[in-house]
């Protein structure tokens, strides 16, 4: 019951990315979660500890997965339009 009283880490904080949930998502979304951890200012060793993967596995996920986009989304600046 005590665990239910514990507040969630909150959006935009490293603890808000739960590895158990992250790895149930499609590969592109897993990579976005990892990228978010880096954007939050974590070092590579902190990201490894947070999600429980080796640096090599993290690199493979980031290399294989293109950034996540919803169907029909167009980034005018990135696409040069």
PDB file of N, CA and C in Angstrom:
ATOM      1  N   UNK A   1       0.812  -1.184   0.000  1.00  0.00           N
ATOM      2  CA  UNK A   1       0.000   0.000   0.000  1.00  0.00           C
ATOM      3  C   UNK A   1       0.863   1.258   0.000  1.00  0.00           C
ATOM      4  N   UNK A   2       2.044   1.187   0.614  1.00  0.00           N
ATOM      5  CA  UNK A   2       2.911   2.362   0.680  1.00  0.00           C
ATOM      6  C   UNK A   2       3.348   2.806  -0.707  1.00  0.00           C
ATOM      7  N   UNK A   3       3.517   1.857  -1.619  1.00  0.00           N
ATOM      8  CA  UNK A   3       3.952   2.207  -2.971  1.00  0.00           C
ATOM      9  C   UNK A   3       2.914   3.067  -3.679  1.00  0.00           C
ATOM     10  N   UNK A   4       1.666   2.921  -3.328  1.00  0.00           N
ATOM     11  CA  UNK A   4       0.619   3.703  -3.980  1.00  0.00           C
ATOM     12  C   UNK A   4       0.671   5.171  -3.564  1.00  0.00           C
ATOM     13  N   UNK A   5       1.250   5.456  -2.409  1.00  0.00           N
ATOM     14  CA  UNK A   5       1.334   6.828  -1.921  1.00  0.00           C
ATOM     15  C   UNK A   5       2.539   7.573  -2.477  1.00  0.00           C
ATOM     16  N   UNK A   6       3.428   6.848  -3.107  1.00  0.00           N
ATOM     17  CA  UNK A   6       4.638   7.458  -3.647  1.00  0.00           C
ATOM     18  C   UNK A   6       4.298   8.215  -4.926  1.00  0.00           C
ATOM     19  N   UNK A   7       4.672   9.497  -5.012  1.00  0.00           N
ATOM     20  CA  UNK A   7       4.362  10.255  -6.231  1.00  0.00           C
ATOM     21  C   UNK A   7       5.209   9.780  -7.413  1.00  0.00           C
ATOM     22  N   UNK A   8       4.642   9.861  -8.586  1.00  0.00           N
ATOM     23  CA  UNK A   8       5.372   9.517  -9.805  1.00  0.00           C
ATOM     24  C   UNK A   8       6.461  10.552 -10.037  1.00  0.00           C
ATOM     25  N   UNK A   9       7.532  10.187 -10.760  1.00  0.00           N
ATOM     26  CA  UNK A   9       8.629  11.125 -10.990  1.00  0.00           C
ATOM     27  C   UNK A   9       8.233  12.361 -11.781  1.00  0.00           C
ATOM     28  N   UNK A  10       7.186  12.285 -12.555  1.00  0.00           N
ATOM     29  CA  UNK A  10       6.755  13.455 -13.314  1.00  0.00           C
ATOM     30  C   UNK A  10       7.349  13.499 -14.703  1.00  0.00           C
ATOM     31  N   UNK A  11       6.608  14.112 -15.599  1.00  0.00           N
ATOM     32  CA  UNK A  11       7.038  14.218 -16.989  1.00  0.00           C
ATOM     33  C   UNK A  11       8.308  15.050 -17.093  1.00  0.00           C
ATOM     34  N   UNK A  12       9.208  14.627 -17.955  1.00  0.00           N
ATOM     35  CA  UNK A  12      10.428  15.390 -18.197  1.00  0.00           C
ATOM     36  C   UNK A  12      11.542  15.100 -17.219  1.00  0.00           C
ATOM     37  N   UNK A  13      11.360  14.097 -16.382  1.00  0.00           N
ATOM     38  CA  UNK A  13      12.400  13.698 -15.437  1.00  0.00           C
ATOM     39  C   UNK A  13      12.836  12.292 -15.801  1.00  0.00           C
ATOM     40  N   UNK A  14      14.122  11.974 -15.629  1.00  0.00           N
ATOM     41  CA  UNK A  14      14.614  10.655 -16.045  1.00  0.00           C
ATOM     42  C   UNK A  14      13.806   9.481 -15.497  1.00  0.00           C
ATOM     43  N   UNK A  15      13.307   9.573 -14.285  1.00  0.00           N
ATOM     44  CA  UNK A  15      12.536   8.483 -13.711  1.00  0.00           C
ATOM     45  C   UNK A  15      11.193   8.257 -14.369  1.00  0.00           C
ATOM     46  N   UNK A  16      10.771   9.196 -15.206  1.00  0.00           N
ATOM     47  CA  UNK A  16       9.476   9.051 -15.874  1.00  0.00           C
ATOM     48  C   UNK A  16       9.540   8.061 -17.033  1.00  0.00           C
ATOM     49  N   UNK A  17      10.733   7.666 -17.427  1.00  0.00           N
ATOM     50  CA  UNK A  17      10.886   6.671 -18.492  1.00  0.00           C
ATOM     51  C   UNK A  17      11.141   5.326 -17.829  1.00  0.00           C
ATOM     52  N   UNK A  18      10.125   4.475 -17.854  1.00  0.00           N
ATOM     53  CA  UNK A  18      10.164   3.172 -17.200  1.00  0.00           C
ATOM     54  C   UNK A  18      10.621   2.114 -18.206  1.00  0.00           C
ATOM     55  N   UNK A  19      11.767   1.456 -17.942  1.00  0.00           N
ATOM     56  CA  UNK A  19      12.262   0.457 -18.895  1.00  0.00           C
ATOM     57  C   UNK A  19      11.261  -0.666 -19.173  1.00  0.00           C
ATOM     58  N   UNK A  20      10.470  -1.065 -18.178  1.00  0.00           N
ATOM     59  CA  UNK A  20       9.492  -2.145 -18.382  1.00  0.00           C
ATOM     60  C   UNK A  20       8.449  -1.750 -19.414  1.00  0.00           C
ATOM     61  N   UNK A  21       8.093  -0.490 -19.424  1.00  0.00           N
ATOM     62  CA  UNK A  21       7.099   0.004 -20.383  1.00  0.00           C
ATOM     63  C   UNK A  21       7.777   0.362 -21.705  1.00  0.00           C
ATOM     64  N   UNK A  22       8.940   0.986 -21.620  1.00  0.00           N
ATOM     65  CA  UNK A  22       9.661   1.447 -22.812  1.00  0.00           C
ATOM     66  C   UNK A  22       9.871   0.323 -23.814  1.00  0.00           C
ATOM     67  N   UNK A  23      10.278  -0.850 -23.341  1.00  0.00           N
ATOM     68  CA  UNK A  23      10.628  -1.925 -24.262  1.00  0.00           C
ATOM     69  C   UNK A  23       9.432  -2.735 -24.743  1.00  0.00           C
ATOM     70  N   UNK A  24       8.234  -2.327 -24.362  1.00  0.00           N
ATOM     71  CA  UNK A  24       7.013  -2.898 -24.938  1.00  0.00           C
ATOM     72  C   UNK A  24       6.563  -2.075 -26.146  1.00  0.00           C
ATOM     73  N   UNK A  25       7.179  -0.918 -26.332  1.00  0.00           N
ATOM     74  CA  UNK A  25       6.821  -0.010 -27.426  1.00  0.00           C
ATOM     75  C   UNK A  25       7.554  -0.394 -28.707  1.00  0.00           C
ATOM     76  N   UNK A  26       7.092   0.099 -29.859  1.00  0.00           N
ATOM     77  CA  UNK A  26       7.817  -0.122 -31.116  1.00  0.00           C
ATOM     78  C   UNK A  26       9.235   0.453 -31.031  1.00  0.00           C
ATOM     79  N   UNK A  27      10.128  -0.100 -31.835  1.00  0.00           N
ATOM     80  CA  UNK A  27      11.539   0.278 -31.801  1.00  0.00           C
ATOM     81  C   UNK A  27      11.748   1.786 -31.935  1.00  0.00           C
ATOM     82  N   UNK A  28      11.013   2.427 -32.826  1.00  0.00           N
ATOM     83  CA  UNK A  28      11.183   3.875 -33.014  1.00  0.00           C
ATOM     84  C   UNK A  28      10.860   4.638 -31.733  1.00  0.00           C
ATOM     85  N   UNK A  29       9.850   4.188 -31.008  1.00  0.00           N
ATOM     86  CA  UNK A  29       9.474   4.870 -29.769  1.00  0.00           C
ATOM     87  C   UNK A  29      10.462   4.560 -28.642  1.00  0.00           C
ATOM     88  N   UNK A  30      11.051   3.366 -28.659  1.00  0.00           N
ATOM     89  CA  UNK A  30      12.106   3.045 -27.696  1.00  0.00           C
ATOM     90  C   UNK A  30      13.280   3.998 -27.887  1.00  0.00           C
ATOM     91  N   UNK A  31      13.655   4.200 -29.145  1.00  0.00           N
ATOM     92  CA  UNK A  31      14.766   5.103 -29.451  1.00  0.00           C
ATOM     93  C   UNK A  31      14.444   6.524 -29.011  1.00  0.00           C
ATOM     94  N   UNK A  32      13.199   6.950 -29.197  1.00  0.00           N
ATOM     95  CA  UNK A  32      12.813   8.299 -28.764  1.00  0.00           C
ATOM     96  C   UNK A  32      12.929   8.428 -27.251  1.00  0.00           C
ATOM     97  N   UNK A  33      12.547   7.388 -26.523  1.00  0.00           N
ATOM     98  CA  UNK A  33      12.684   7.407 -25.070  1.00  0.00           C
ATOM     99  C   UNK A  33      14.135   7.540 -24.650  1.00  0.00           C
ATOM    100  N   UNK A  34      15.015   6.824 -25.335  1.00  0.00           N
ATOM    101  CA  UNK A  34      16.449   6.912 -25.046  1.00  0.00           C
ATOM    102  C   UNK A  34      16.963   8.309 -25.383  1.00  0.00           C
ATOM    103  N   UNK A  35      16.544   8.834 -26.533  1.00  0.00           N
ATOM    104  CA  UNK A  35      16.969  10.192 -26.906  1.00  0.00           C
ATOM    105  C   UNK A  35      16.490  11.223 -25.887  1.00  0.00           C
ATOM    106  N   UNK A  36      15.288  11.030 -25.355  1.00  0.00           N
ATOM    107  CA  UNK A  36      14.769  11.947 -24.333  1.00  0.00           C
ATOM    108  C   UNK A  36      15.653  11.945 -23.095  1.00  0.00           C
ATOM    109  N   UNK A  37      16.143  10.778 -22.708  1.00  0.00           N
ATOM    110  CA  UNK A  37      17.032  10.718 -21.543  1.00  0.00           C
ATOM    111  C   UNK A  37      18.284  11.555 -21.783  1.00  0.00           C
ATOM    112  N   UNK A  38      18.843  11.463 -22.983  1.00  0.00           N
ATOM    113  CA  UNK A  38      20.019  12.284 -23.301  1.00  0.00           C
ATOM    114  C   UNK A  38      19.651  13.766 -23.313  1.00  0.00           C
ATOM    115  N   UNK A  39      18.473  14.095 -23.841  1.00  0.00           N
ATOM    116  CA  UNK A  39      18.034  15.494 -23.865  1.00  0.00           C
ATOM    117  C   UNK A  39      17.805  16.046 -22.461  1.00  0.00           C
ATOM    118  N   UNK A  40      17.490  15.159 -21.514  1.00  0.00           N
ATOM    119  CA  UNK A  40      17.310  15.571 -20.123  1.00  0.00           C
ATOM    120  C   UNK A  40      18.647  15.836 -19.437  1.00  0.00           C
ATOM    121  N   UNK A  41      19.739  15.583 -20.155  1.00  0.00           N
ATOM    122  CA  UNK A  41      21.063  15.883 -19.620  1.00  0.00           C
ATOM    123  C   UNK A  41      21.797  14.704 -19.016  1.00  0.00           C
ATOM    124  N   UNK A  42      21.277  13.494 -19.170  1.00  0.00           N
ATOM    125  CA  UNK A  42      21.957  12.334 -18.621  1.00  0.00           C
ATOM    126  C   UNK A  42      23.167  11.978 -19.474  1.00  0.00           C
ATOM    127  N   UNK A  43      24.189  11.443 -18.822  1.00  0.00           N
ATOM    128  CA  UNK A  43      25.370  10.957 -19.530  1.00  0.00           C
ATOM    129  C   UNK A  43      25.066   9.554 -20.048  1.00  0.00           C
ATOM    130  N   UNK A  44      25.943   9.034 -20.899  1.00  0.00           N
ATOM    131  CA  UNK A  44      25.750   7.690 -21.443  1.00  0.00           C
ATOM    132  C   UNK A  44      25.711   6.652 -20.323  1.00  0.00           C
ATOM    133  N   UNK A  45      26.575   6.786 -19.324  1.00  0.00           N
ATOM    134  CA  UNK A  45      26.573   5.810 -18.227  1.00  0.00           C
ATOM    135  C   UNK A  45      25.296   5.908 -17.396  1.00  0.00           C
ATOM    136  N   UNK A  46      24.754   7.110 -17.239  1.00  0.00           N
ATOM    137  CA  UNK A  46      23.491   7.268 -16.510  1.00  0.00           C
ATOM    138  C   UNK A  46      22.327   6.663 -17.288  1.00  0.00           C
ATOM    139  N   UNK A  47      22.346   6.828 -18.614  1.00  0.00           N
ATOM    140  CA  UNK A  47      21.293   6.240 -19.449  1.00  0.00           C
ATOM    141  C   UNK A  47      21.368   4.717 -19.361  1.00  0.00           C
ATOM    142  N   UNK A  48      22.586   4.167 -19.433  1.00  0.00           N
ATOM    143  CA  UNK A  48      22.768   2.717 -19.311  1.00  0.00           C
ATOM    144  C   UNK A  48      22.162   2.209 -18.009  1.00  0.00           C
ATOM    145  N   UNK A  49      22.453   2.905 -16.918  1.00  0.00           N
ATOM    146  CA  UNK A  49      21.947   2.499 -15.604  1.00  0.00           C
ATOM    147  C   UNK A  49      20.425   2.629 -15.539  1.00  0.00           C
ATOM    148  N   UNK A  50      19.895   3.684 -16.104  1.00  0.00           N
ATOM    149  CA  UNK A  50      18.456   3.962 -16.052  1.00  0.00           C
ATOM    150  C   UNK A  50      17.636   2.897 -16.775  1.00  0.00           C
ATOM    151  N   UNK A  51      18.100   2.468 -17.949  1.00  0.00           N
ATOM    152  CA  UNK A  51      17.302   1.522 -18.738  1.00  0.00           C
ATOM    153  C   UNK A  51      17.848   0.098 -18.723  1.00  0.00           C
ATOM    154  N   UNK A  52      19.034  -0.087 -18.148  1.00  0.00           N
ATOM    155  CA  UNK A  52      19.565  -1.433 -17.986  1.00  0.00           C
ATOM    156  C   UNK A  52      20.092  -2.086 -19.246  1.00  0.00           C
ATOM    157  N   UNK A  53      20.575  -1.300 -20.182  1.00  0.00           N
ATOM    158  CA  UNK A  53      21.156  -1.845 -21.414  1.00  0.00           C
ATOM    159  C   UNK A  53      22.612  -1.434 -21.531  1.00  0.00           C
ATOM    160  N   UNK A  54      23.368  -2.188 -22.311  1.00  0.00           N
ATOM    161  CA  UNK A  54      24.764  -1.833 -22.562  1.00  0.00           C
ATOM    162  C   UNK A  54      24.833  -0.666 -23.540  1.00  0.00           C
ATOM    163  N   UNK A  55      25.983  -0.019 -23.562  1.00  0.00           N
ATOM    164  CA  UNK A  55      26.186   1.096 -24.496  1.00  0.00           C
ATOM    165  C   UNK A  55      26.025   0.621 -25.939  1.00  0.00           C
ATOM    166  N   UNK A  56      26.504  -0.573 -26.233  1.00  0.00           N
ATOM    167  CA  UNK A  56      26.388  -1.115 -27.584  1.00  0.00           C
ATOM    168  C   UNK A  56      24.945  -1.327 -28.009  1.00  0.00           C
ATOM    169  N   UNK A  57      24.132  -1.846 -27.102  1.00  0.00           N
ATOM    170  CA  UNK A  57      22.716  -2.068 -27.408  1.00  0.00           C
ATOM    171  C   UNK A  57      21.989  -0.746 -27.594  1.00  0.00           C
ATOM    172  N   UNK A  58      22.321   0.229 -26.753  1.00  0.00           N
ATOM    173  CA  UNK A  58      21.721   1.563 -26.888  1.00  0.00           C
ATOM    174  C   UNK A  58      22.066   2.145 -28.252  1.00  0.00           C
ATOM    175  N   UNK A  59      23.333   2.042 -28.648  1.00  0.00           N
ATOM    176  CA  UNK A  59      23.756   2.551 -29.956  1.00  0.00           C
ATOM    177  C   UNK A  59      23.017   1.851 -31.093  1.00  0.00           C
ATOM    178  N   UNK A  60      22.855   0.530 -30.987  1.00  0.00           N
ATOM    179  CA  UNK A  60      22.134  -0.210 -32.034  1.00  0.00           C
ATOM    180  C   UNK A  60      20.692   0.270 -32.169  1.00  0.00           C
ATOM    181  N   UNK A  61      20.026   0.465 -31.044  1.00  0.00           N
ATOM    182  CA  UNK A  61      18.638   0.945 -31.090  1.00  0.00           C
ATOM    183  C   UNK A  61      18.580   2.317 -31.743  1.00  0.00           C
ATOM    184  N   UNK A  62      19.491   3.201 -31.350  1.00  0.00           N
ATOM    185  CA  UNK A  62      19.477   4.559 -31.898  1.00  0.00           C
ATOM    186  C   UNK A  62      19.819   4.579 -33.384  1.00  0.00           C
ATOM    187  N   UNK A  63      20.691   3.670 -33.837  1.00  0.00           N
ATOM    188  CA  UNK A  63      21.064   3.619 -35.251  1.00  0.00           C
ATOM    189  C   UNK A  63      19.963   3.008 -36.105  1.00  0.00           C
ATOM    190  N   UNK A  64      19.297   1.965 -35.595  1.00  0.00           N
ATOM    191  CA  UNK A  64      18.287   1.251 -36.382  1.00  0.00           C
ATOM    192  C   UNK A  64      16.974   2.010 -36.485  1.00  0.00           C
ATOM    193  N   UNK A  65      16.636   2.724 -35.430  1.00  0.00           N
ATOM    194  CA  UNK A  65      15.320   3.362 -35.385  1.00  0.00           C
ATOM    195  C   UNK A  65      15.398   4.806 -35.842  1.00  0.00           C
ATOM    196  N   UNK A  66      14.621   5.116 -36.843  1.00  0.00           N
ATOM    197  CA  UNK A  66      14.518   6.506 -37.277  1.00  0.00           C
ATOM    198  C   UNK A  66      13.636   7.240 -36.273  1.00  0.00           C
ATOM    199  N   UNK A  67      13.786   8.550 -36.142  1.00  0.00           N
ATOM    200  CA  UNK A  67      12.927   9.287 -35.209  1.00  0.00           C
ATOM    201  C   UNK A  67      11.451   9.020 -35.482  1.00  0.00           C
ATOM    202  N   UNK A  68      10.689   8.850 -34.413  1.00  0.00           N
ATOM    203  CA  UNK A  68       9.266   8.535 -34.510  1.00  0.00           C
ATOM    204  C   UNK A  68       8.485   9.702 -35.098  1.00  0.00           C
ATOM    205  N   UNK A  69       7.602   9.411 -36.044  1.00  0.00           N
ATOM    206  CA  UNK A  69       6.687  10.421 -36.584  1.00  0.00           C
ATOM    207  C   UNK A  69       5.309   9.789 -36.709  1.00  0.00           C
ATOM    208  N   UNK A  70       4.295  10.590 -36.544  1.00  0.00           N
ATOM    209  CA  UNK A  70       2.930  10.123 -36.788  1.00  0.00           C
ATOM    210  C   UNK A  70       2.672  10.253 -38.282  1.00  0.00           C
ATOM    211  N   UNK A  71       1.797   9.446 -38.791  1.00  0.00           N
ATOM    212  CA  UNK A  71       1.461   9.511 -40.201  1.00  0.00           C
ATOM    213  C   UNK A  71       0.975  10.889 -40.606  1.00  0.00           C
ATOM    214  N   UNK A  72       1.540  11.445 -41.677  1.00  0.00           N
ATOM    215  CA  UNK A  72       1.113  12.744 -42.163  1.00  0.00           C
ATOM    216  C   UNK A  72       1.858  13.916 -41.565  1.00  0.00           C
ATOM    217  N   UNK A  73       2.665  13.672 -40.526  1.00  0.00           N
ATOM    218  CA  UNK A  73       3.438  14.763 -39.935  1.00  0.00           C
ATOM    219  C   UNK A  73       4.545  15.190 -40.889  1.00  0.00           C
ATOM    220  N   UNK A  74       4.693  16.469 -41.070  1.00  0.00           N
ATOM    221  CA  UNK A  74       5.762  17.002 -41.900  1.00  0.00           C
ATOM    222  C   UNK A  74       6.443  18.112 -41.124  1.00  0.00           C
ATOM    223  N   UNK A  75       7.750  17.999 -41.002  1.00  0.00           N
ATOM    224  CA  UNK A  75       8.539  19.051 -40.375  1.00  0.00           C
ATOM    225  C   UNK A  75       9.078  19.909 -41.506  1.00  0.00           C
ATOM    226  N   UNK A  76       8.474  21.045 -41.720  1.00  0.00           N
ATOM    227  CA  UNK A  76       8.805  21.901 -42.859  1.00  0.00           C
ATOM    228  C   UNK A  76      10.270  22.313 -42.835  1.00  0.00           C
ATOM    229  N   UNK A  77      10.789  22.652 -41.665  1.00  0.00           N
ATOM    230  CA  UNK A  77      12.184  23.086 -41.569  1.00  0.00           C
ATOM    231  C   UNK A  77      13.117  21.927 -41.888  1.00  0.00           C
ATOM    232  N   UNK A  78      12.896  20.763 -41.269  1.00  0.00           N
ATOM    233  CA  UNK A  78      13.780  19.615 -41.472  1.00  0.00           C
ATOM    234  C   UNK A  78      13.697  19.076 -42.894  1.00  0.00           C
ATOM    235  N   UNK A  79      12.535  19.154 -43.505  1.00  0.00           N
ATOM    236  CA  UNK A  79      12.354  18.629 -44.853  1.00  0.00           C
ATOM    237  C   UNK A  79      12.770  19.632 -45.929  1.00  0.00           C
ATOM    238  N   UNK A  80      13.082  20.857 -45.534  1.00  0.00           N
ATOM    239  CA  UNK A  80      13.511  21.864 -46.493  1.00  0.00           C
ATOM    240  C   UNK A  80      12.391  22.358 -47.394  1.00  0.00           C
ATOM    241  N   UNK A  81      11.177  22.366 -46.894  1.00  0.00           N
ATOM    242  CA  UNK A  81      10.038  22.801 -47.716  1.00  0.00           C
ATOM    243  C   UNK A  81       9.752  24.260 -47.505  1.00  0.00           C
TER     244      UNK A  81
END
